Protein backbone atom coordinates (compact mmCIF):
# COMPACT_ATOMS: atom_id res chain seq x y z
CA MET A 1 -16.98 -1.81 -48.78
CA SER A 2 -16.96 2.04 -47.66
CA ASN A 3 -16.36 4.92 -50.23
CA ALA A 4 -15.50 7.52 -47.59
CA MET A 5 -11.94 9.10 -47.38
CA PRO A 6 -10.24 8.17 -44.14
CA THR A 7 -8.10 11.33 -42.94
CA ASN A 8 -6.41 9.75 -40.38
CA PRO A 9 -5.58 6.74 -39.25
CA GLY A 10 -7.84 6.09 -36.42
CA GLN A 11 -10.96 7.30 -38.98
CA GLU A 12 -9.47 4.58 -41.55
CA LEU A 13 -9.36 1.89 -38.78
CA VAL A 14 -13.08 2.33 -37.72
CA VAL A 15 -14.09 2.19 -42.04
CA LYS A 16 -12.29 -0.85 -42.40
CA LEU A 17 -13.31 -2.18 -39.37
CA GLN A 18 -16.89 -1.87 -40.49
CA ASP A 19 -16.29 -3.05 -43.74
CA GLN A 20 -14.12 -6.04 -42.87
CA GLY A 21 -14.22 -6.91 -39.01
CA LYS A 22 -10.47 -7.41 -38.84
CA VAL A 23 -7.57 -5.30 -39.54
CA ILE A 24 -3.88 -4.93 -38.85
CA VAL A 25 -2.47 -1.53 -37.53
CA ILE A 26 1.47 -1.57 -38.53
CA PHE A 27 3.25 1.20 -36.22
CA HIS A 28 6.42 2.07 -38.36
CA MET A 29 8.11 5.37 -39.00
CA LYS A 30 9.75 5.98 -41.64
CA GLY A 31 13.74 5.38 -42.66
CA CYS A 32 13.50 2.22 -40.58
CA GLY A 33 14.72 -0.12 -43.04
CA HIS A 34 12.27 -2.74 -41.32
CA CYS A 35 9.59 -0.65 -41.40
CA GLU A 36 9.96 0.10 -45.07
CA GLU A 37 10.48 -3.88 -45.99
CA LEU A 38 7.40 -4.56 -44.13
CA ILE A 39 5.43 -2.00 -45.92
CA ASN A 40 6.84 -2.76 -49.66
CA LEU A 41 5.47 -6.83 -48.52
CA VAL A 42 2.34 -5.65 -47.64
CA LYS A 43 1.94 -3.78 -50.73
CA ALA A 44 3.27 -6.38 -52.59
CA LYS A 45 0.60 -8.45 -51.96
CA ASN A 46 -2.13 -6.97 -52.45
CA MET A 47 -3.11 -6.98 -48.57
CA LEU A 48 -3.44 -2.76 -47.97
CA HIS A 49 -7.19 -3.21 -47.96
CA MET A 50 -6.83 -4.87 -45.02
CA VAL A 51 -3.84 -2.74 -43.43
CA VAL A 52 -3.97 0.66 -41.46
CA LEU A 53 -0.34 2.14 -41.41
CA VAL A 54 0.24 4.39 -38.46
CA ASP A 55 3.37 6.50 -38.83
CA CYS A 56 4.81 6.85 -34.69
CA ASN A 57 6.28 9.86 -36.26
CA GLU A 58 3.40 11.63 -37.68
CA TYR A 59 0.69 10.27 -35.06
CA GLY A 60 2.87 9.68 -31.97
CA ASP A 61 -0.45 10.39 -29.35
CA ILE A 62 -1.88 7.10 -31.21
CA SER A 63 1.40 5.21 -30.72
CA LYS A 64 1.59 6.76 -26.91
CA SER A 65 -1.81 5.56 -26.44
CA ASN A 66 -1.24 1.85 -27.40
CA GLN A 67 2.02 1.96 -25.69
CA ILE A 68 4.09 1.54 -28.99
CA THR A 69 8.14 0.44 -27.98
CA GLY A 70 9.30 -0.36 -31.16
CA THR A 71 9.00 -0.57 -34.57
CA PRO A 72 7.63 -2.32 -36.68
CA THR A 73 5.02 -3.08 -34.46
CA SER A 74 1.81 -5.16 -36.21
CA VAL A 75 -1.61 -5.54 -34.17
CA LEU A 76 -4.68 -7.23 -35.29
CA VAL A 77 -7.94 -5.46 -34.32
CA ASP A 78 -10.69 -7.71 -33.95
CA LYS A 79 -14.33 -5.90 -34.16
CA LYS A 80 -15.84 -8.34 -32.29
CA ASN A 81 -13.71 -7.71 -29.58
CA ASN A 82 -13.97 -3.71 -28.95
């Protein structure tokens, strides 16, 4: 696994895809109860190594370019299909 410290979700996605090949991207918003439940579940199951969290408030450009219209939204990204 890479030792690089990504500074944004886009960079984190690239690093995790290189390391693992498949990554789940979760688009969420702070204050959304369903989003918080999903993130807590991911943390409880120790799955953060395979997940990229994108805060739609902070990274609205990423959300818009991926046509995210509701949260939480989960997307499986497969290196083979990129």
